[in-house]
């Protein structure tokens, strides 16, 4: 985990939202919160978090639709979205992945599994960001270095 890494938790249940926020804060993440899909979309666009944890059963705009909108928007499509939901059937997983979620976890939360997923997505994202920078020119080790004398 990198210092300053931000995670947006989109969760309507106050108890679940508080539990996730405290758990993430103890691991050094900067946590932002949204209570419904509409607020989640707005905060994702404005704050550009490094990762989003998205409940799927949300008021206003549900998590499936919020995910579809975020993945359709060029400013937010690269943000990994991890679904965290009580919907535990195989068809629910497929529906979440079809909406654009990058991973899927069920409640009650397996915190070890969720942490592995978060760290893997953040690592992939940081590697992708680094790959956008051109590589430094290779140094020719066969030529003399500055200050080397050639007598």
N, C-alpha and C. Protein backbone atom coordinates (compact mmCIF):
# COMPACT_ATOMS: atom_id res chain seq x y z
N UNK A 1 0.83 -1.17 0.00
CA UNK A 1 0.00 0.00 0.00
C UNK A 1 0.88 1.24 0.00
N UNK A 2 0.52 2.20 -0.81
CA UNK A 2 1.28 3.43 -0.90
C UNK A 2 0.66 4.50 -0.01
N UNK A 3 1.49 5.37 0.52
CA UNK A 3 0.99 6.48 1.31
C UNK A 3 0.11 7.35 0.42
N UNK A 4 -1.03 7.75 0.94
CA UNK A 4 -1.93 8.60 0.17
C UNK A 4 -2.89 7.84 -0.73
N UNK A 5 -2.86 6.52 -0.68
CA UNK A 5 -3.77 5.73 -1.50
C UNK A 5 -5.19 5.91 -0.98
N UNK A 6 -6.10 6.26 -1.88
CA UNK A 6 -7.47 6.56 -1.46
C UNK A 6 -8.45 5.51 -1.95
N UNK A 7 -9.39 5.18 -1.08
CA UNK A 7 -10.43 4.22 -1.40
C UNK A 7 -11.78 4.86 -1.10
N UNK A 8 -12.67 4.81 -2.09
CA UNK A 8 -14.03 5.28 -1.92
C UNK A 8 -14.91 4.08 -1.57
N UNK A 9 -15.56 4.15 -0.42
CA UNK A 9 -16.49 3.10 0.01
C UNK A 9 -17.90 3.62 -0.25
N UNK A 10 -18.62 2.92 -1.12
CA UNK A 10 -20.00 3.28 -1.45
C UNK A 10 -20.89 2.22 -0.79
N UNK A 11 -21.49 2.60 0.33
CA UNK A 11 -22.24 1.65 1.17
C UNK A 11 -23.35 2.40 1.89
N UNK A 12 -24.58 1.92 1.79
CA UNK A 12 -25.69 2.61 2.42
C UNK A 12 -25.91 2.21 3.88
N UNK A 13 -25.43 1.05 4.28
CA UNK A 13 -25.60 0.60 5.65
C UNK A 13 -24.55 1.24 6.54
N UNK A 14 -25.00 2.03 7.52
CA UNK A 14 -24.07 2.79 8.35
C UNK A 14 -23.09 1.90 9.09
N UNK A 15 -23.56 0.79 9.63
CA UNK A 15 -22.69 -0.12 10.38
C UNK A 15 -21.60 -0.70 9.47
N UNK A 16 -21.99 -1.17 8.29
CA UNK A 16 -21.02 -1.74 7.34
C UNK A 16 -20.04 -0.68 6.85
N UNK A 17 -20.55 0.52 6.57
CA UNK A 17 -19.70 1.61 6.10
C UNK A 17 -18.67 1.98 7.16
N UNK A 18 -19.10 2.07 8.41
CA UNK A 18 -18.19 2.41 9.50
C UNK A 18 -17.15 1.31 9.72
N UNK A 19 -17.58 0.06 9.69
CA UNK A 19 -16.66 -1.06 9.86
C UNK A 19 -15.59 -1.08 8.78
N UNK A 20 -16.00 -0.93 7.53
CA UNK A 20 -15.04 -0.91 6.41
C UNK A 20 -14.09 0.28 6.52
N UNK A 21 -14.65 1.43 6.84
CA UNK A 21 -13.81 2.64 6.93
C UNK A 21 -12.75 2.48 8.01
N UNK A 22 -13.14 2.02 9.19
CA UNK A 22 -12.18 1.85 10.28
C UNK A 22 -11.13 0.81 9.91
N UNK A 23 -11.53 -0.28 9.29
CA UNK A 23 -10.61 -1.34 8.88
C UNK A 23 -9.60 -0.82 7.86
N UNK A 24 -10.07 -0.05 6.89
CA UNK A 24 -9.17 0.51 5.87
C UNK A 24 -8.24 1.57 6.46
N UNK A 25 -8.77 2.40 7.34
CA UNK A 25 -7.94 3.43 7.98
C UNK A 25 -6.80 2.81 8.78
N UNK A 26 -7.09 1.70 9.47
CA UNK A 26 -6.04 1.02 10.25
C UNK A 26 -4.94 0.47 9.34
N UNK A 27 -5.25 0.25 8.09
CA UNK A 27 -4.25 -0.24 7.15
C UNK A 27 -3.56 0.90 6.40
N UNK A 28 -3.86 2.13 6.77
CA UNK A 28 -3.15 3.28 6.22
C UNK A 28 -3.78 3.90 4.98
N UNK A 29 -4.96 3.46 4.60
CA UNK A 29 -5.61 4.04 3.42
C UNK A 29 -6.35 5.32 3.80
N UNK A 30 -6.44 6.23 2.84
CA UNK A 30 -7.29 7.41 2.97
C UNK A 30 -8.68 6.96 2.51
N UNK A 31 -9.69 7.12 3.36
CA UNK A 31 -11.02 6.60 3.07
C UNK A 31 -12.00 7.74 2.82
N UNK A 32 -12.75 7.60 1.75
CA UNK A 32 -13.84 8.52 1.42
C UNK A 32 -15.12 7.70 1.43
N UNK A 33 -16.23 8.33 1.78
CA UNK A 33 -17.48 7.59 1.93
C UNK A 33 -18.59 8.19 1.07
N UNK A 34 -19.47 7.29 0.58
CA UNK A 34 -20.68 7.69 -0.12
C UNK A 34 -21.80 6.77 0.34
N UNK A 35 -23.01 7.31 0.46
CA UNK A 35 -24.12 6.53 1.02
C UNK A 35 -25.08 5.97 -0.03
N UNK A 36 -24.91 6.35 -1.28
CA UNK A 36 -25.77 5.80 -2.34
C UNK A 36 -25.03 5.88 -3.68
N UNK A 37 -25.61 5.29 -4.69
CA UNK A 37 -24.96 5.25 -6.00
C UNK A 37 -24.75 6.62 -6.62
N UNK A 38 -25.71 7.50 -6.45
CA UNK A 38 -25.58 8.85 -7.03
C UNK A 38 -24.39 9.59 -6.41
N UNK A 39 -24.28 9.52 -5.08
CA UNK A 39 -23.16 10.18 -4.40
C UNK A 39 -21.83 9.48 -4.75
N UNK A 40 -21.87 8.16 -4.90
CA UNK A 40 -20.67 7.41 -5.27
C UNK A 40 -20.13 7.85 -6.63
N UNK A 41 -21.02 8.00 -7.59
CA UNK A 41 -20.61 8.46 -8.93
C UNK A 41 -20.02 9.85 -8.85
N UNK A 42 -20.71 10.73 -8.17
CA UNK A 42 -20.25 12.13 -8.04
C UNK A 42 -18.87 12.20 -7.37
N UNK A 43 -18.70 11.49 -6.26
CA UNK A 43 -17.42 11.53 -5.55
C UNK A 43 -16.31 10.86 -6.36
N UNK A 44 -16.63 9.80 -7.08
CA UNK A 44 -15.61 9.15 -7.90
C UNK A 44 -15.10 10.11 -8.97
N UNK A 45 -15.99 10.86 -9.59
CA UNK A 45 -15.59 11.81 -10.62
C UNK A 45 -14.80 12.97 -10.04
N UNK A 46 -15.23 13.48 -8.89
CA UNK A 46 -14.61 14.65 -8.30
C UNK A 46 -13.31 14.33 -7.58
N UNK A 47 -13.27 13.20 -6.86
CA UNK A 47 -12.12 12.88 -6.01
C UNK A 47 -11.13 11.91 -6.64
N UNK A 48 -11.54 11.21 -7.69
CA UNK A 48 -10.67 10.27 -8.40
C UNK A 48 -9.92 9.32 -7.45
N UNK A 49 -10.65 8.47 -6.73
CA UNK A 49 -9.99 7.55 -5.80
C UNK A 49 -9.16 6.51 -6.55
N UNK A 50 -8.28 5.85 -5.84
CA UNK A 50 -7.46 4.80 -6.43
C UNK A 50 -8.24 3.50 -6.60
N UNK A 51 -9.30 3.33 -5.81
CA UNK A 51 -10.11 2.11 -5.87
C UNK A 51 -11.47 2.43 -5.25
N UNK A 52 -12.50 1.71 -5.70
CA UNK A 52 -13.85 1.88 -5.17
C UNK A 52 -14.34 0.53 -4.66
N UNK A 53 -14.87 0.53 -3.44
CA UNK A 53 -15.59 -0.64 -2.92
C UNK A 53 -17.06 -0.29 -3.04
N UNK A 54 -17.80 -1.08 -3.83
CA UNK A 54 -19.17 -0.74 -4.19
C UNK A 54 -20.16 -1.79 -3.69
N UNK A 55 -21.05 -1.35 -2.79
CA UNK A 55 -22.19 -2.19 -2.44
C UNK A 55 -23.10 -2.21 -3.68
N UNK A 56 -23.82 -3.29 -3.89
CA UNK A 56 -24.66 -3.37 -5.08
C UNK A 56 -26.11 -2.96 -4.80
N UNK A 57 -26.59 -3.20 -3.60
CA UNK A 57 -27.97 -2.82 -3.23
C UNK A 57 -27.94 -1.45 -2.58
N UNK A 58 -28.03 -0.44 -3.41
CA UNK A 58 -27.95 0.95 -2.94
C UNK A 58 -29.22 1.71 -3.32
N UNK A 59 -29.59 2.72 -2.52
CA UNK A 59 -30.70 3.59 -2.92
C UNK A 59 -30.25 4.56 -4.01
N UNK A 60 -31.23 5.26 -4.55
CA UNK A 60 -31.02 6.25 -5.61
C UNK A 60 -30.61 5.56 -6.92
N UNK A 61 -29.37 5.18 -7.01
CA UNK A 61 -28.84 4.42 -8.17
C UNK A 61 -28.17 3.19 -7.57
N UNK A 62 -28.57 2.00 -8.00
CA UNK A 62 -27.96 0.80 -7.41
C UNK A 62 -26.51 0.64 -7.86
N UNK A 63 -25.79 -0.24 -7.20
CA UNK A 63 -24.37 -0.42 -7.47
C UNK A 63 -24.07 -0.94 -8.86
N UNK A 64 -24.97 -1.73 -9.42
CA UNK A 64 -24.75 -2.23 -10.78
C UNK A 64 -24.77 -1.06 -11.77
N UNK A 65 -25.80 -0.19 -11.65
CA UNK A 65 -25.92 0.95 -12.55
C UNK A 65 -24.81 1.97 -12.30
N UNK A 66 -24.47 2.20 -11.03
CA UNK A 66 -23.38 3.13 -10.72
C UNK A 66 -22.08 2.64 -11.35
N UNK A 67 -21.83 1.33 -11.27
CA UNK A 67 -20.62 0.76 -11.87
C UNK A 67 -20.63 0.94 -13.39
N UNK A 68 -21.77 0.65 -14.02
CA UNK A 68 -21.87 0.83 -15.48
C UNK A 68 -21.55 2.27 -15.88
N UNK A 69 -22.09 3.22 -15.14
CA UNK A 69 -21.85 4.64 -15.46
C UNK A 69 -20.39 5.03 -15.25
N UNK A 70 -19.78 4.54 -14.18
CA UNK A 70 -18.38 4.86 -13.92
C UNK A 70 -17.47 4.25 -14.98
N UNK A 71 -17.77 3.04 -15.40
CA UNK A 71 -16.94 2.37 -16.42
C UNK A 71 -17.15 2.96 -17.81
N UNK A 72 -18.30 3.61 -18.02
CA UNK A 72 -18.56 4.25 -19.32
C UNK A 72 -17.92 5.63 -19.42
N UNK A 73 -17.55 6.22 -18.31
CA UNK A 73 -16.99 7.57 -18.27
C UNK A 73 -15.47 7.50 -18.38
N UNK A 74 -14.89 8.18 -19.39
CA UNK A 74 -13.43 8.14 -19.56
C UNK A 74 -12.65 8.62 -18.34
N UNK A 75 -13.23 9.49 -17.53
CA UNK A 75 -12.51 10.02 -16.36
C UNK A 75 -12.48 9.04 -15.20
N UNK A 76 -13.33 8.01 -15.22
CA UNK A 76 -13.39 7.07 -14.09
C UNK A 76 -13.25 5.61 -14.50
N UNK A 77 -13.20 5.33 -15.78
CA UNK A 77 -13.24 3.92 -16.21
C UNK A 77 -12.06 3.09 -15.75
N UNK A 78 -10.92 3.71 -15.48
CA UNK A 78 -9.73 2.95 -15.06
C UNK A 78 -9.68 2.67 -13.56
N UNK A 79 -10.61 3.24 -12.80
CA UNK A 79 -10.63 3.01 -11.35
C UNK A 79 -11.17 1.60 -11.09
N UNK A 80 -10.40 0.75 -10.42
CA UNK A 80 -10.91 -0.59 -10.10
C UNK A 80 -12.12 -0.49 -9.16
N UNK A 81 -13.12 -1.30 -9.45
CA UNK A 81 -14.32 -1.34 -8.62
C UNK A 81 -14.48 -2.76 -8.08
N UNK A 82 -14.49 -2.87 -6.76
CA UNK A 82 -14.66 -4.15 -6.09
C UNK A 82 -16.06 -4.18 -5.50
N UNK A 83 -16.89 -5.11 -5.98
CA UNK A 83 -18.24 -5.26 -5.44
C UNK A 83 -18.15 -5.94 -4.09
N UNK A 84 -18.93 -5.43 -3.15
CA UNK A 84 -19.03 -6.04 -1.83
C UNK A 84 -20.51 -6.08 -1.50
N UNK A 85 -21.09 -7.28 -1.48
CA UNK A 85 -22.54 -7.39 -1.44
C UNK A 85 -23.04 -8.61 -0.70
N UNK A 86 -24.29 -8.54 -0.28
CA UNK A 86 -24.95 -9.69 0.33
C UNK A 86 -25.50 -10.63 -0.75
N UNK A 87 -25.52 -10.19 -1.98
CA UNK A 87 -25.98 -11.03 -3.09
C UNK A 87 -24.90 -12.09 -3.36
N UNK A 88 -25.19 -13.34 -2.97
CA UNK A 88 -24.13 -14.36 -2.94
C UNK A 88 -24.31 -15.48 -3.96
N UNK A 89 -25.24 -15.37 -4.87
CA UNK A 89 -25.43 -16.43 -5.86
C UNK A 89 -24.47 -16.24 -7.03
N UNK A 90 -24.18 -17.33 -7.71
CA UNK A 90 -23.27 -17.27 -8.86
C UNK A 90 -23.77 -16.28 -9.91
N UNK A 91 -25.07 -16.22 -10.10
CA UNK A 91 -25.63 -15.29 -11.09
C UNK A 91 -25.40 -13.83 -10.65
N UNK A 92 -25.37 -13.59 -9.34
CA UNK A 92 -25.10 -12.24 -8.85
C UNK A 92 -23.66 -11.83 -9.16
N UNK A 93 -22.74 -12.77 -9.01
CA UNK A 93 -21.34 -12.49 -9.35
C UNK A 93 -21.22 -12.14 -10.83
N UNK A 94 -21.87 -12.94 -11.67
CA UNK A 94 -21.80 -12.70 -13.11
C UNK A 94 -22.43 -11.35 -13.47
N UNK A 95 -23.54 -11.02 -12.82
CA UNK A 95 -24.20 -9.73 -13.07
C UNK A 95 -23.29 -8.56 -12.68
N UNK A 96 -22.60 -8.70 -11.55
CA UNK A 96 -21.67 -7.65 -11.10
C UNK A 96 -20.50 -7.50 -12.08
N UNK A 97 -19.95 -8.62 -12.50
CA UNK A 97 -18.81 -8.56 -13.43
C UNK A 97 -19.26 -8.01 -14.79
N UNK A 98 -20.45 -8.37 -15.22
CA UNK A 98 -20.99 -7.86 -16.49
C UNK A 98 -21.22 -6.35 -16.42
N UNK A 99 -21.56 -5.85 -15.24
CA UNK A 99 -21.77 -4.40 -15.07
C UNK A 99 -20.45 -3.64 -15.12
N UNK A 100 -19.33 -4.35 -14.91
CA UNK A 100 -18.02 -3.70 -14.98
C UNK A 100 -17.19 -3.81 -13.72
N UNK A 101 -17.72 -4.47 -12.68
CA UNK A 101 -16.93 -4.65 -11.47
C UNK A 101 -15.68 -5.46 -11.81
N UNK A 102 -14.59 -5.11 -11.18
CA UNK A 102 -13.33 -5.80 -11.42
C UNK A 102 -13.15 -7.00 -10.51
N UNK A 103 -13.88 -7.03 -9.41
CA UNK A 103 -13.84 -8.17 -8.49
C UNK A 103 -15.14 -8.17 -7.70
N UNK A 104 -15.37 -9.27 -6.98
CA UNK A 104 -16.65 -9.48 -6.31
C UNK A 104 -16.41 -10.21 -4.99
N UNK A 105 -16.90 -9.63 -3.90
CA UNK A 105 -16.80 -10.26 -2.58
C UNK A 105 -18.17 -10.20 -1.92
N UNK A 106 -18.47 -11.22 -1.13
CA UNK A 106 -19.76 -11.27 -0.47
C UNK A 106 -19.65 -10.93 1.01
N UNK A 107 -20.77 -10.52 1.56
CA UNK A 107 -20.89 -10.27 2.99
C UNK A 107 -21.42 -11.55 3.63
N UNK A 108 -21.03 -11.89 4.83
CA UNK A 108 -20.08 -11.16 5.66
C UNK A 108 -18.70 -11.14 5.03
N UNK A 109 -17.97 -10.09 5.29
CA UNK A 109 -16.70 -9.82 4.64
C UNK A 109 -15.60 -10.77 5.13
N UNK A 110 -14.90 -11.36 4.17
CA UNK A 110 -13.65 -12.07 4.47
C UNK A 110 -12.55 -11.02 4.28
N UNK A 111 -12.14 -10.39 5.38
CA UNK A 111 -11.23 -9.25 5.30
C UNK A 111 -9.87 -9.61 4.69
N UNK A 112 -9.37 -10.82 4.94
CA UNK A 112 -8.10 -11.22 4.34
C UNK A 112 -8.21 -11.28 2.82
N UNK A 113 -9.28 -11.87 2.33
CA UNK A 113 -9.49 -11.98 0.89
C UNK A 113 -9.70 -10.60 0.27
N UNK A 114 -10.48 -9.76 0.94
CA UNK A 114 -10.71 -8.41 0.43
C UNK A 114 -9.41 -7.62 0.38
N UNK A 115 -8.59 -7.73 1.41
CA UNK A 115 -7.31 -7.02 1.43
C UNK A 115 -6.40 -7.48 0.30
N UNK A 116 -6.33 -8.79 0.06
CA UNK A 116 -5.51 -9.30 -1.06
C UNK A 116 -6.00 -8.73 -2.39
N UNK A 117 -7.30 -8.66 -2.57
CA UNK A 117 -7.87 -8.11 -3.80
C UNK A 117 -7.53 -6.63 -3.94
N UNK A 118 -7.72 -5.86 -2.88
CA UNK A 118 -7.41 -4.42 -2.91
C UNK A 118 -5.95 -4.20 -3.25
N UNK A 119 -5.07 -4.90 -2.57
CA UNK A 119 -3.64 -4.71 -2.80
C UNK A 119 -3.24 -5.12 -4.22
N UNK A 120 -3.84 -6.19 -4.75
CA UNK A 120 -3.52 -6.62 -6.12
C UNK A 120 -3.95 -5.56 -7.14
N UNK A 121 -5.15 -5.02 -6.98
CA UNK A 121 -5.62 -4.00 -7.92
C UNK A 121 -4.80 -2.72 -7.82
N UNK A 122 -4.43 -2.32 -6.61
CA UNK A 122 -3.63 -1.12 -6.45
C UNK A 122 -2.23 -1.30 -7.03
N UNK A 123 -1.67 -2.49 -6.88
CA UNK A 123 -0.36 -2.78 -7.46
C UNK A 123 -0.43 -2.73 -8.98
N UNK A 124 -1.46 -3.35 -9.56
CA UNK A 124 -1.63 -3.31 -11.02
C UNK A 124 -1.81 -1.88 -11.50
N UNK A 125 -2.57 -1.09 -10.77
CA UNK A 125 -2.81 0.29 -11.17
C UNK A 125 -1.54 1.13 -11.11
N UNK A 126 -0.72 0.91 -10.07
CA UNK A 126 0.52 1.68 -9.97
C UNK A 126 1.51 1.26 -11.05
N UNK A 127 1.54 -0.02 -11.38
CA UNK A 127 2.41 -0.48 -12.47
C UNK A 127 1.97 0.10 -13.80
N UNK A 128 0.66 0.17 -14.02
CA UNK A 128 0.15 0.74 -15.27
C UNK A 128 0.51 2.22 -15.35
N UNK A 129 0.43 2.92 -14.24
CA UNK A 129 0.79 4.34 -14.22
C UNK A 129 2.26 4.53 -14.53
N UNK A 130 3.11 3.67 -13.96
CA UNK A 130 4.55 3.77 -14.21
C UNK A 130 4.89 3.46 -15.66
N UNK A 131 4.14 2.55 -16.27
CA UNK A 131 4.45 2.17 -17.65
C UNK A 131 4.14 3.28 -18.64
N UNK A 132 3.40 4.30 -18.22
CA UNK A 132 3.10 5.43 -19.11
C UNK A 132 4.26 6.38 -19.26
N UNK A 133 5.24 6.28 -18.36
CA UNK A 133 6.42 7.14 -18.43
C UNK A 133 7.46 6.46 -19.31
N UNK A 134 8.12 7.22 -20.18
CA UNK A 134 9.16 6.61 -21.02
C UNK A 134 10.34 6.15 -20.16
N UNK A 135 10.94 5.08 -20.60
CA UNK A 135 12.11 4.56 -19.88
C UNK A 135 13.29 5.51 -20.06
N UNK A 136 14.14 5.55 -19.07
CA UNK A 136 15.34 6.37 -19.16
C UNK A 136 16.26 5.78 -20.22
N UNK A 137 17.00 6.61 -20.92
CA UNK A 137 17.90 6.08 -21.94
C UNK A 137 18.94 5.17 -21.31
N UNK A 138 19.26 4.14 -22.04
CA UNK A 138 20.26 3.19 -21.54
C UNK A 138 21.62 3.87 -21.50
N UNK A 139 22.39 3.52 -20.52
CA UNK A 139 23.74 4.07 -20.38
C UNK A 139 24.71 3.14 -21.10
N UNK A 140 25.56 3.72 -21.92
CA UNK A 140 26.58 2.94 -22.62
C UNK A 140 27.77 2.78 -21.67
N UNK A 141 27.92 1.60 -21.14
CA UNK A 141 28.98 1.34 -20.17
C UNK A 141 30.35 1.17 -20.82
N UNK A 142 30.40 1.07 -22.15
CA UNK A 142 31.68 0.87 -22.81
C UNK A 142 32.43 2.19 -23.01
N UNK A 143 31.73 3.33 -22.96
CA UNK A 143 32.43 4.60 -23.14
C UNK A 143 32.89 5.11 -21.78
N UNK A 144 33.96 5.87 -21.76
CA UNK A 144 34.50 6.35 -20.49
C UNK A 144 33.52 7.30 -19.81
N UNK A 145 33.50 7.23 -18.50
CA UNK A 145 32.66 8.14 -17.72
C UNK A 145 33.32 9.49 -17.63
N UNK A 146 32.55 10.50 -17.33
CA UNK A 146 33.09 11.85 -17.19
C UNK A 146 34.11 11.81 -16.06
N UNK A 147 35.24 12.40 -16.30
CA UNK A 147 36.30 12.45 -15.29
C UNK A 147 37.29 11.31 -15.43
N UNK A 148 36.97 10.27 -16.21
CA UNK A 148 37.93 9.19 -16.41
C UNK A 148 39.03 9.71 -17.35
N UNK A 149 40.23 9.42 -17.01
CA UNK A 149 41.33 9.89 -17.88
C UNK A 149 41.67 8.81 -18.88
N UNK A 150 41.96 9.21 -20.05
CA UNK A 150 42.34 8.30 -21.12
C UNK A 150 43.78 8.65 -21.53
N UNK A 151 44.73 8.02 -20.93
CA UNK A 151 46.12 8.34 -21.23
C UNK A 151 46.68 7.38 -22.22
